[in-house]
Amino acid sequence: MLRLNCFFQASEGRYGEAVQAAIALVAKSQGHEGCLAYDVFESATRPDVFMICETWQDQASLDRHTQTPEFAQYVGIINSCGEMKIETLAF
């Protein structure tokens, strides 16, 4: 099992666009094969920060997910709006 914590900090004025893309990505990704959990969480203390937390059955499931058109589309939007850092944990 793999857990990814994707921390995002928006550039000035870009938070709304980024979080809408993240919400759309979550909605599409929850139905992908091997997805055990996928959600987005907004910071209670920083108005420019959110985190996407995803859990995958295995590396193959994650690899299939990252090859989908919606992943490229929404992650592209998110990355254009600020900076993302990814933390990966294997169980």
C-alpha atoms as a PDB file:
ATOM      1  CA  MET A   1       0.000   0.000   0.000  1.00  0.00           C
ATOM      2  CA  LEU A   2       1.225   3.507  -0.846  1.00  0.00           C
ATOM      3  CA  ARG A   3       0.234   6.833   0.712  1.00  0.00           C
ATOM      4  CA  LEU A   4       0.998  10.132  -0.999  1.00  0.00           C
ATOM      5  CA  ASN A   5       0.680  13.459   0.774  1.00  0.00           C
ATOM      6  CA  CYS A   6       0.814  16.240  -1.807  1.00  0.00           C
ATOM      7  CA  PHE A   7       1.304  19.605  -0.134  1.00  0.00           C
ATOM      8  CA  PHE A   8       0.434  22.663  -2.218  1.00  0.00           C
ATOM      9  CA  GLN A   9       1.105  26.370  -1.679  1.00  0.00           C
ATOM     10  CA  ALA A  10      -0.592  28.743  -4.114  1.00  0.00           C
ATOM     11  CA  SER A  11       0.960  31.729  -5.791  1.00  0.00           C
ATOM     12  CA  GLU A  12      -0.782  35.017  -4.997  1.00  0.00           C
ATOM     13  CA  GLY A  13      -4.311  35.058  -6.396  1.00  0.00           C
ATOM     14  CA  ARG A  14      -4.208  31.460  -7.711  1.00  0.00           C
ATOM     15  CA  TYR A  15      -5.592  29.476  -4.746  1.00  0.00           C
ATOM     16  CA  GLY A  16      -9.195  29.238  -6.017  1.00  0.00           C
ATOM     17  CA  GLU A  17      -8.153  27.916  -9.406  1.00  0.00           C
ATOM     18  CA  ALA A  18      -5.808  25.363  -7.837  1.00  0.00           C
ATOM     19  CA  VAL A  19      -8.270  24.056  -5.265  1.00  0.00           C
ATOM     20  CA  GLN A  20     -11.012  23.700  -7.915  1.00  0.00           C
ATOM     21  CA  ALA A  21      -8.628  21.610 -10.039  1.00  0.00           C
ATOM     22  CA  ALA A  22      -7.745  19.540  -6.964  1.00  0.00           C
ATOM     23  CA  ILE A  23     -11.419  18.889  -6.199  1.00  0.00           C
ATOM     24  CA  ALA A  24     -12.017  17.819  -9.817  1.00  0.00           C
ATOM     25  CA  LEU A  25      -8.952  15.548  -9.692  1.00  0.00           C
ATOM     26  CA  VAL A  26     -10.193  13.927  -6.492  1.00  0.00           C
ATOM     27  CA  ALA A  27     -13.644  13.295  -7.962  1.00  0.00           C
ATOM     28  CA  LYS A  28     -12.171  11.551 -11.017  1.00  0.00           C
ATOM     29  CA  SER A  29      -9.442   9.671  -9.139  1.00  0.00           C
ATOM     30  CA  GLN A  30     -11.625   8.095  -6.459  1.00  0.00           C
ATOM     31  CA  GLY A  31     -12.996   5.712  -9.092  1.00  0.00           C
ATOM     32  CA  HIS A  32      -9.620   4.581 -10.427  1.00  0.00           C
ATOM     33  CA  GLU A  33      -8.725   0.927  -9.989  1.00  0.00           C
ATOM     34  CA  GLY A  34      -6.594   0.400  -6.882  1.00  0.00           C
ATOM     35  CA  CYS A  35      -7.568   3.707  -5.255  1.00  0.00           C
ATOM     36  CA  LEU A  36      -8.249   3.100  -1.573  1.00  0.00           C
ATOM     37  CA  ALA A  37      -8.651   6.760  -0.550  1.00  0.00           C
ATOM     38  CA  TYR A  38      -8.267  10.159  -2.219  1.00  0.00           C
ATOM     39  CA  ASP A  39      -9.242  13.552  -0.810  1.00  0.00           C
ATOM     40  CA  VAL A  40      -8.206  17.190  -0.557  1.00  0.00           C
ATOM     41  CA  PHE A  41      -7.844  19.068   2.737  1.00  0.00           C
ATOM     42  CA  GLU A  42      -7.619  22.829   3.175  1.00  0.00           C
ATOM     43  CA  SER A  43      -5.371  24.337   5.833  1.00  0.00           C
ATOM     44  CA  ALA A  44      -7.177  25.863   8.814  1.00  0.00           C
ATOM     45  CA  THR A  45      -4.275  28.249   9.453  1.00  0.00           C
ATOM     46  CA  ARG A  46      -2.949  29.217   6.000  1.00  0.00           C
ATOM     47  CA  PRO A  47      -5.325  30.488   3.313  1.00  0.00           C
ATOM     48  CA  ASP A  48      -2.919  29.586   0.492  1.00  0.00           C
ATOM     49  CA  VAL A  49      -2.276  25.922   1.400  1.00  0.00           C
ATOM     50  CA  PHE A  50      -4.053  22.612   0.817  1.00  0.00           C
ATOM     51  CA  MET A  51      -3.051  18.940   0.793  1.00  0.00           C
ATOM     52  CA  ILE A  52      -4.150  16.061  -1.411  1.00  0.00           C
ATOM     53  CA  CYS A  53      -3.930  12.764   0.456  1.00  0.00           C
ATOM     54  CA  GLU A  54      -4.139   9.589  -1.606  1.00  0.00           C
ATOM     55  CA  THR A  55      -3.783   5.899  -0.785  1.00  0.00           C
ATOM     56  CA  TRP A  56      -3.152   3.271  -3.464  1.00  0.00           C
ATOM     57  CA  GLN A  57      -3.275  -0.508  -3.344  1.00  0.00           C
ATOM     58  CA  ASP A  58       0.135  -0.805  -5.019  1.00  0.00           C
ATOM     59  CA  GLN A  59       2.639   0.932  -7.287  1.00  0.00           C
ATOM     60  CA  ALA A  60       0.996  -0.444 -10.432  1.00  0.00           C
ATOM     61  CA  SER A  61      -2.310   1.211  -9.481  1.00  0.00           C
ATOM     62  CA  LEU A  62      -0.566   4.524  -8.843  1.00  0.00           C
ATOM     63  CA  ASP A  63       1.299   4.243 -12.151  1.00  0.00           C
ATOM     64  CA  ARG A  64      -1.971   3.682 -14.068  1.00  0.00           C
ATOM     65  CA  HIS A  65      -3.509   6.676 -12.313  1.00  0.00           C
ATOM     66  CA  THR A  66      -0.646   8.986 -13.259  1.00  0.00           C
ATOM     67  CA  GLN A  67      -1.055   8.023 -16.934  1.00  0.00           C
ATOM     68  CA  THR A  68      -4.701   9.136 -17.178  1.00  0.00           C
ATOM     69  CA  PRO A  69      -5.691  12.256 -19.142  1.00  0.00           C
ATOM     70  CA  GLU A  70      -7.405  13.806 -16.117  1.00  0.00           C
ATOM     71  CA  PHE A  71      -4.247  13.439 -14.030  1.00  0.00           C
ATOM     72  CA  ALA A  72      -2.235  15.330 -16.653  1.00  0.00           C
ATOM     73  CA  GLN A  73      -4.933  17.970 -17.029  1.00  0.00           C
ATOM     74  CA  TYR A  74      -5.604  18.739 -13.357  1.00  0.00           C
ATOM     75  CA  VAL A  75      -2.074  18.319 -12.053  1.00  0.00           C
ATOM     76  CA  GLY A  76      -0.937  20.643 -14.850  1.00  0.00           C
ATOM     77  CA  ILE A  77      -3.377  23.298 -13.651  1.00  0.00           C
ATOM     78  CA  ILE A  78      -2.375  22.834 -10.013  1.00  0.00           C
ATOM     79  CA  ASN A  79       1.339  23.055 -10.817  1.00  0.00           C
ATOM     80  CA  SER A  80       0.801  26.244 -12.823  1.00  0.00           C
ATOM     81  CA  CYS A  81      -0.812  27.862  -9.757  1.00  0.00           C
ATOM     82  CA  GLY A  82       1.968  27.386  -7.214  1.00  0.00           C
ATOM     83  CA  GLU A  83       4.324  24.841  -5.738  1.00  0.00           C
ATOM     84  CA  MET A  84       3.617  21.208  -4.838  1.00  0.00           C
ATOM     85  CA  LYS A  85       5.746  18.923  -2.700  1.00  0.00           C
ATOM     86  CA  ILE A  86       5.053  15.198  -2.548  1.00  0.00           C
ATOM     87  CA  GLU A  87       5.764  12.888   0.374  1.00  0.00           C
ATOM     88  CA  THR A  88       5.454   9.141  -0.354  1.00  0.00           C
ATOM     89  CA  LEU A  89       5.066   6.462   2.314  1.00  0.00           C
ATOM     90  CA  ALA A  90       4.966   2.712   1.649  1.00  0.00           C
ATOM     91  CA  PHE A  91       3.180   0.281   3.956  1.00  0.00           C
END
